[in-house]
């Protein structure tokens, strides 16, 4: 019997807000069962002010990412204003929920983050049913329980960007040490008033060397 095999969930992604922005962090490992398949990025810009992390089945995440990028671009062209986190949340939730109700769910866990309608930076997490939860910090994937332990212990409201990047890095690193499906590097991204950008690998290395 022909059966399409896709790399399955095995990752750790983290999101946390700080004073003036939001940080997203992920590992880079892709697994198929117990086998390590490849090394990829798992955090992507949707617009210059919005981003999404990916955990779950690779094909579902790729399709959703392209769809969200197209929808947000169309929204901005038609409305002549920037899409906000609420805009992205609404479109993503409707898309994922519709698949769930048709018994063909998107097997994803996602974190979306960026500029909200009130001009602050926020984040939300999504599950395969389309449920959306806003939190100051969150984690998804097979290593989420290890990352959440670090975040819950050390997260503080109105952190500086430097402290937020360091905390996100250490949360992912802890998950990599304990979860065999997470690994192969750490990617950190920031969204603030300057827009979306990646943190250079030297900064990540310096944090881990402390």
C-alpha atoms as a PDB file:
ATOM      1  CA  UNK A   1       0.000   0.000   0.000  1.00  0.00           C
ATOM      2  CA  UNK A   2       1.361   3.396  -0.966  1.00  0.00           C
ATOM      3  CA  UNK A   3       1.607   5.674   2.011  1.00  0.00           C
ATOM      4  CA  UNK A   4       3.165   9.105   2.053  1.00  0.00           C
ATOM      5  CA  UNK A   5       5.583   9.466   4.936  1.00  0.00           C
ATOM      6  CA  UNK A   6       6.171  12.922   6.358  1.00  0.00           C
ATOM      7  CA  UNK A   7       8.618  13.994   9.071  1.00  0.00           C
ATOM      8  CA  UNK A   8       6.647  14.118  12.322  1.00  0.00           C
ATOM      9  CA  UNK A   9       6.652  16.347  15.344  1.00  0.00           C
ATOM     10  CA  UNK A  10       9.850  16.537  17.321  1.00  0.00           C
ATOM     11  CA  UNK A  11      10.969  20.022  18.266  1.00  0.00           C
ATOM     12  CA  UNK A  12      10.932  22.784  20.840  1.00  0.00           C
ATOM     13  CA  UNK A  13       9.757  26.330  20.195  1.00  0.00           C
ATOM     14  CA  UNK A  14       9.560  29.170  22.698  1.00  0.00           C
ATOM     15  CA  UNK A  15       8.003  32.626  22.701  1.00  0.00           C
ATOM     16  CA  UNK A  16       8.153  35.355  25.333  1.00  0.00           C
ATOM     17  CA  UNK A  17       7.299  39.018  25.530  1.00  0.00           C
ATOM     18  CA  UNK A  18       9.538  41.695  26.983  1.00  0.00           C
ATOM     19  CA  UNK A  19       9.336  45.458  27.374  1.00  0.00           C
ATOM     20  CA  UNK A  20       9.135  46.689  23.786  1.00  0.00           C
ATOM     21  CA  UNK A  21       9.026  43.454  21.839  1.00  0.00           C
ATOM     22  CA  UNK A  22       8.801  39.682  21.638  1.00  0.00           C
ATOM     23  CA  UNK A  23      11.382  36.908  21.269  1.00  0.00           C
ATOM     24  CA  UNK A  24      10.863  33.624  19.406  1.00  0.00           C
ATOM     25  CA  UNK A  25      13.322  30.745  19.729  1.00  0.00           C
ATOM     26  CA  UNK A  26      13.489  27.239  18.267  1.00  0.00           C
ATOM     27  CA  UNK A  27      15.789  24.292  17.817  1.00  0.00           C
ATOM     28  CA  UNK A  28      16.524  23.105  14.258  1.00  0.00           C
ATOM     29  CA  UNK A  29      16.087  19.318  14.289  1.00  0.00           C
ATOM     30  CA  UNK A  30      13.550  17.499  12.079  1.00  0.00           C
ATOM     31  CA  UNK A  31      12.760  13.890  12.999  1.00  0.00           C
ATOM     32  CA  UNK A  32      10.912  10.933  11.495  1.00  0.00           C
ATOM     33  CA  UNK A  33      10.059   8.683  14.390  1.00  0.00           C
ATOM     34  CA  UNK A  34      13.396   8.017  16.096  1.00  0.00           C
ATOM     35  CA  UNK A  35      15.445   9.045  13.066  1.00  0.00           C
ATOM     36  CA  UNK A  36      16.991  12.508  12.642  1.00  0.00           C
ATOM     37  CA  UNK A  37      16.068  13.719   9.146  1.00  0.00           C
ATOM     38  CA  UNK A  38      17.517  17.197   8.649  1.00  0.00           C
ATOM     39  CA  UNK A  39      18.237  20.639  10.069  1.00  0.00           C
ATOM     40  CA  UNK A  40      15.868  23.514   9.265  1.00  0.00           C
ATOM     41  CA  UNK A  41      14.627  26.888  10.460  1.00  0.00           C
ATOM     42  CA  UNK A  42      11.366  26.760  12.429  1.00  0.00           C
ATOM     43  CA  UNK A  43      10.600  30.455  12.899  1.00  0.00           C
ATOM     44  CA  UNK A  44       9.513  32.525   9.906  1.00  0.00           C
ATOM     45  CA  UNK A  45       8.404  36.110   9.258  1.00  0.00           C
ATOM     46  CA  UNK A  46       4.838  36.435   7.998  1.00  0.00           C
ATOM     47  CA  UNK A  47       5.171  40.194   7.560  1.00  0.00           C
ATOM     48  CA  UNK A  48       7.803  42.632   8.817  1.00  0.00           C
ATOM     49  CA  UNK A  49       5.873  42.855  12.102  1.00  0.00           C
ATOM     50  CA  UNK A  50       4.535  39.311  12.497  1.00  0.00           C
ATOM     51  CA  UNK A  51       6.150  35.880  12.745  1.00  0.00           C
ATOM     52  CA  UNK A  52       5.235  32.246  13.329  1.00  0.00           C
ATOM     53  CA  UNK A  53       7.024  29.213  14.755  1.00  0.00           C
ATOM     54  CA  UNK A  54       6.405  25.719  13.416  1.00  0.00           C
ATOM     55  CA  UNK A  55       6.058  22.412  15.255  1.00  0.00           C
ATOM     56  CA  UNK A  56       4.276  19.314  13.983  1.00  0.00           C
ATOM     57  CA  UNK A  57       4.022  17.739  10.545  1.00  0.00           C
ATOM     58  CA  UNK A  58       6.345  19.556   8.157  1.00  0.00           C
ATOM     59  CA  UNK A  59       3.984  19.610   5.154  1.00  0.00           C
ATOM     60  CA  UNK A  60       1.108  21.087   7.190  1.00  0.00           C
ATOM     61  CA  UNK A  61       3.362  23.806   8.552  1.00  0.00           C
ATOM     62  CA  UNK A  62       4.729  24.660   5.097  1.00  0.00           C
ATOM     63  CA  UNK A  63       1.247  24.990   3.592  1.00  0.00           C
ATOM     64  CA  UNK A  64      -0.033  27.099   6.474  1.00  0.00           C
ATOM     65  CA  UNK A  65       3.000  29.391   6.382  1.00  0.00           C
ATOM     66  CA  UNK A  66       2.589  30.121   2.675  1.00  0.00           C
ATOM     67  CA  UNK A  67      -1.147  30.648   3.123  1.00  0.00           C
ATOM     68  CA  UNK A  68      -0.671  33.058   6.053  1.00  0.00           C
ATOM     69  CA  UNK A  69       1.996  35.047   4.190  1.00  0.00           C
ATOM     70  CA  UNK A  70      -0.298  35.393   1.176  1.00  0.00           C
ATOM     71  CA  UNK A  71      -3.348  36.312   3.272  1.00  0.00           C
ATOM     72  CA  UNK A  72      -1.512  38.982   5.247  1.00  0.00           C
ATOM     73  CA  UNK A  73      -0.029  40.495   2.086  1.00  0.00           C
ATOM     74  CA  UNK A  74      -3.489  40.582   0.509  1.00  0.00           C
ATOM     75  CA  UNK A  75      -4.939  42.178   3.651  1.00  0.00           C
ATOM     76  CA  UNK A  76      -2.322  44.928   3.629  1.00  0.00           C
ATOM     77  CA  UNK A  77      -2.800  45.631  -0.076  1.00  0.00           C
ATOM     78  CA  UNK A  78      -6.582  45.817   0.205  1.00  0.00           C
ATOM     79  CA  UNK A  79      -6.736  47.788   3.451  1.00  0.00           C
ATOM     80  CA  UNK A  80      -3.595  49.890   2.999  1.00  0.00           C
ATOM     81  CA  UNK A  81      -2.507  49.267   6.559  1.00  0.00           C
ATOM     82  CA  UNK A  82      -0.334  46.796   8.396  1.00  0.00           C
ATOM     83  CA  UNK A  83      -1.756  43.454   9.480  1.00  0.00           C
ATOM     84  CA  UNK A  84      -1.766  43.007  13.258  1.00  0.00           C
ATOM     85  CA  UNK A  85      -1.475  39.966  15.483  1.00  0.00           C
ATOM     86  CA  UNK A  86      -5.273  39.913  15.723  1.00  0.00           C
ATOM     87  CA  UNK A  87      -5.543  39.777  11.922  1.00  0.00           C
ATOM     88  CA  UNK A  88      -3.147  36.849  11.681  1.00  0.00           C
ATOM     89  CA  UNK A  89      -4.790  35.082  14.613  1.00  0.00           C
ATOM     90  CA  UNK A  90      -8.250  35.335  13.043  1.00  0.00           C
ATOM     91  CA  UNK A  91      -7.173  33.944   9.664  1.00  0.00           C
ATOM     92  CA  UNK A  92      -5.035  31.175  11.169  1.00  0.00           C
ATOM     93  CA  UNK A  93      -7.728  30.136  13.627  1.00  0.00           C
ATOM     94  CA  UNK A  94     -10.414  29.948  10.935  1.00  0.00           C
ATOM     95  CA  UNK A  95      -8.140  27.921   8.663  1.00  0.00           C
ATOM     96  CA  UNK A  96      -7.020  25.420  11.306  1.00  0.00           C
ATOM     97  CA  UNK A  97     -10.482  25.070  12.854  1.00  0.00           C
ATOM     98  CA  UNK A  98     -12.105  24.384   9.484  1.00  0.00           C
ATOM     99  CA  UNK A  99      -9.710  21.479   8.921  1.00  0.00           C
ATOM    100  CA  UNK A 100     -10.389  20.146  12.409  1.00  0.00           C
ATOM    101  CA  UNK A 101     -14.155  20.127  11.842  1.00  0.00           C
ATOM    102  CA  UNK A 102     -13.738  18.350   8.475  1.00  0.00           C
ATOM    103  CA  UNK A 103     -11.796  15.553  10.230  1.00  0.00           C
ATOM    104  CA  UNK A 104      -8.683  16.543   8.318  1.00  0.00           C
ATOM    105  CA  UNK A 105      -6.818  18.546  10.965  1.00  0.00           C
ATOM    106  CA  UNK A 106      -3.575  20.419  10.464  1.00  0.00           C
ATOM    107  CA  UNK A 107      -1.152  18.569  12.722  1.00  0.00           C
ATOM    108  CA  UNK A 108       0.574  21.653  14.058  1.00  0.00           C
ATOM    109  CA  UNK A 109       1.511  23.538  17.170  1.00  0.00           C
ATOM    110  CA  UNK A 110       2.274  27.136  16.369  1.00  0.00           C
ATOM    111  CA  UNK A 111       3.251  30.319  18.147  1.00  0.00           C
ATOM    112  CA  UNK A 112       2.393  33.585  16.432  1.00  0.00           C
ATOM    113  CA  UNK A 113       3.868  36.849  17.650  1.00  0.00           C
ATOM    114  CA  UNK A 114       4.161  40.481  16.743  1.00  0.00           C
ATOM    115  CA  UNK A 115       2.551  43.885  16.788  1.00  0.00           C
ATOM    116  CA  UNK A 116      -1.014  43.945  18.095  1.00  0.00           C
ATOM    117  CA  UNK A 117      -3.853  46.370  17.478  1.00  0.00           C
ATOM    118  CA  UNK A 118      -2.999  48.378  20.622  1.00  0.00           C
ATOM    119  CA  UNK A 119       0.612  48.882  19.415  1.00  0.00           C
ATOM    120  CA  UNK A 120       2.104  46.481  21.961  1.00  0.00           C
ATOM    121  CA  UNK A 121       3.851  43.200  21.192  1.00  0.00           C
ATOM    122  CA  UNK A 122       2.091  39.967  22.101  1.00  0.00           C
ATOM    123  CA  UNK A 123       2.086  36.264  21.321  1.00  0.00           C
ATOM    124  CA  UNK A 124      -0.453  33.457  21.006  1.00  0.00           C
ATOM    125  CA  UNK A 125      -0.209  29.674  20.776  1.00  0.00           C
ATOM    126  CA  UNK A 126      -2.332  27.387  18.572  1.00  0.00           C
ATOM    127  CA  UNK A 127      -3.108  23.669  18.665  1.00  0.00           C
ATOM    128  CA  UNK A 128      -4.520  21.381  15.900  1.00  0.00           C
ATOM    129  CA  UNK A 129      -8.118  22.213  16.887  1.00  0.00           C
ATOM    130  CA  UNK A 130      -7.586  25.918  16.251  1.00  0.00           C
ATOM    131  CA  UNK A 131      -7.680  26.920  19.916  1.00  0.00           C
ATOM    132  CA  UNK A 132      -5.779  30.183  20.429  1.00  0.00           C
ATOM    133  CA  UNK A 133      -4.311  31.209  23.797  1.00  0.00           C
ATOM    134  CA  UNK A 134      -2.561  34.491  24.561  1.00  0.00           C
ATOM    135  CA  UNK A 135       0.221  34.318  27.135  1.00  0.00           C
ATOM    136  CA  UNK A 136       3.280  36.390  28.110  1.00  0.00           C
ATOM    137  CA  UNK A 137       5.373  33.279  27.460  1.00  0.00           C
ATOM    138  CA  UNK A 138       4.750  29.826  26.018  1.00  0.00           C
ATOM    139  CA  UNK A 139       6.394  26.781  24.440  1.00  0.00           C
ATOM    140  CA  UNK A 140       5.364  24.051  21.999  1.00  0.00           C
ATOM    141  CA  UNK A 141       6.678  20.734  20.726  1.00  0.00           C
ATOM    142  CA  UNK A 142       8.051  17.557  22.239  1.00  0.00           C
ATOM    143  CA  UNK A 143      10.481  19.442  24.485  1.00  0.00           C
ATOM    144  CA  UNK A 144       7.969  22.011  25.710  1.00  0.00           C
ATOM    145  CA  UNK A 145       7.768  20.699  29.278  1.00  0.00           C
ATOM    146  CA  UNK A 146      11.485  21.251  29.794  1.00  0.00           C
ATOM    147  CA  UNK A 147      11.410  24.728  28.260  1.00  0.00           C
ATOM    148  CA  UNK A 148       8.320  25.750  30.229  1.00  0.00           C
ATOM    149  CA  UNK A 149      10.040  24.819  33.486  1.00  0.00           C
ATOM    150  CA  UNK A 150      12.828  27.317  32.754  1.00  0.00           C
ATOM    151  CA  UNK A 151      10.406  30.011  31.588  1.00  0.00           C
ATOM    152  CA  UNK A 152       8.116  29.664  34.592  1.00  0.00           C
ATOM    153  CA  UNK A 153      11.052  29.885  36.980  1.00  0.00           C
ATOM    154  CA  UNK A 154      12.819  32.878  35.441  1.00  0.00           C
ATOM    155  CA  UNK A 155      10.343  34.931  33.393  1.00  0.00           C
ATOM    156  CA  UNK A 156       9.681  38.469  34.618  1.00  0.00           C
ATOM    157  CA  UNK A 157       7.310  41.079  33.307  1.00  0.00           C
ATOM    158  CA  UNK A 158       8.963  43.975  31.406  1.00  0.00           C
ATOM    159  CA  UNK A 159      12.259  42.171  30.897  1.00  0.00           C
ATOM    160  CA  UNK A 160      14.905  43.818  28.776  1.00  0.00           C
ATOM    161  CA  UNK A 161      15.549  42.518  25.276  1.00  0.00           C
ATOM    162  CA  UNK A 162      18.938  41.164  26.336  1.00  0.00           C
ATOM    163  CA  UNK A 163      17.453  39.236  29.272  1.00  0.00           C
ATOM    164  CA  UNK A 164      14.593  37.905  27.137  1.00  0.00           C
ATOM    165  CA  UNK A 165      16.993  36.607  24.465  1.00  0.00           C
ATOM    166  CA  UNK A 166      19.128  34.952  27.129  1.00  0.00           C
ATOM    167  CA  UNK A 167      16.119  33.301  28.799  1.00  0.00           C
ATOM    168  CA  UNK A 168      14.738  32.017  25.481  1.00  0.00           C
ATOM    169  CA  UNK A 169      18.148  30.604  24.562  1.00  0.00           C
ATOM    170  CA  UNK A 170      18.522  28.793  27.876  1.00  0.00           C
ATOM    171  CA  UNK A 171      14.971  27.403  27.656  1.00  0.00           C
ATOM    172  CA  UNK A 172      15.686  25.872  24.241  1.00  0.00           C
ATOM    173  CA  UNK A 173      19.100  24.624  25.357  1.00  0.00           C
ATOM    174  CA  UNK A 174      17.541  22.873  28.367  1.00  0.00           C
ATOM    175  CA  UNK A 175      15.017  21.156  26.094  1.00  0.00           C
ATOM    176  CA  UNK A 176      17.775  20.055  23.708  1.00  0.00           C
ATOM    177  CA  UNK A 177      19.663  18.440  26.587  1.00  0.00           C
ATOM    178  CA  UNK A 178      16.612  16.451  27.744  1.00  0.00           C
ATOM    179  CA  UNK A 179      14.512  15.826  24.599  1.00  0.00           C
ATOM    180  CA  UNK A 180      16.075  13.583  21.951  1.00  0.00           C
ATOM    181  CA  UNK A 181      13.794  15.012  19.238  1.00  0.00           C
ATOM    182  CA  UNK A 182      15.156  18.534  19.758  1.00  0.00           C
ATOM    183  CA  UNK A 183      18.632  19.672  18.756  1.00  0.00           C
ATOM    184  CA  UNK A 184      20.994  20.696  15.937  1.00  0.00           C
ATOM    185  CA  UNK A 185      21.226  24.371  16.819  1.00  0.00           C
ATOM    186  CA  UNK A 186      19.232  27.273  18.216  1.00  0.00           C
ATOM    187  CA  UNK A 187      17.591  30.057  16.205  1.00  0.00           C
ATOM    188  CA  UNK A 188      16.472  33.269  17.932  1.00  0.00           C
ATOM    189  CA  UNK A 189      14.320  35.990  16.347  1.00  0.00           C
ATOM    190  CA  UNK A 190      13.088  39.317  17.678  1.00  0.00           C
ATOM    191  CA  UNK A 191      10.175  41.539  16.698  1.00  0.00           C
ATOM    192  CA  UNK A 192      10.162  45.118  17.958  1.00  0.00           C
ATOM    193  CA  UNK A 193       9.514  48.622  16.627  1.00  0.00           C
ATOM    194  CA  UNK A 194      12.287  48.057  14.071  1.00  0.00           C
ATOM    195  CA  UNK A 195      10.502  44.979  12.707  1.00  0.00           C
ATOM    196  CA  UNK A 196      11.501  41.329  12.430  1.00  0.00           C
ATOM    197  CA  UNK A 197      15.120  40.258  12.662  1.00  0.00           C
ATOM    198  CA  UNK A 198      17.233  37.231  13.540  1.00  0.00           C
ATOM    199  CA  UNK A 199      19.743  37.278  16.369  1.00  0.00           C
ATOM    200  CA  UNK A 200      23.236  36.394  15.143  1.00  0.00           C
ATOM    201  CA  UNK A 201      24.664  33.017  16.112  1.00  0.00           C
ATOM    202  CA  UNK A 202      27.606  34.608  17.936  1.00  0.00           C
ATOM    203  CA  UNK A 203      25.209  36.115  20.487  1.00  0.00           C
ATOM    204  CA  UNK A 204      23.618  32.711  21.077  1.00  0.00           C
ATOM    205  CA  UNK A 205      27.047  31.080  21.490  1.00  0.00           C
ATOM    206  CA  UNK A 206      28.157  33.743  23.985  1.00  0.00           C
ATOM    207  CA  UNK A 207      25.051  33.140  26.105  1.00  0.00           C
ATOM    208  CA  UNK A 208      25.671  29.400  26.238  1.00  0.00           C
ATOM    209  CA  UNK A 209      29.327  29.918  27.168  1.00  0.00           C
ATOM    210  CA  UNK A 210      28.494  31.911  30.305  1.00  0.00           C
END
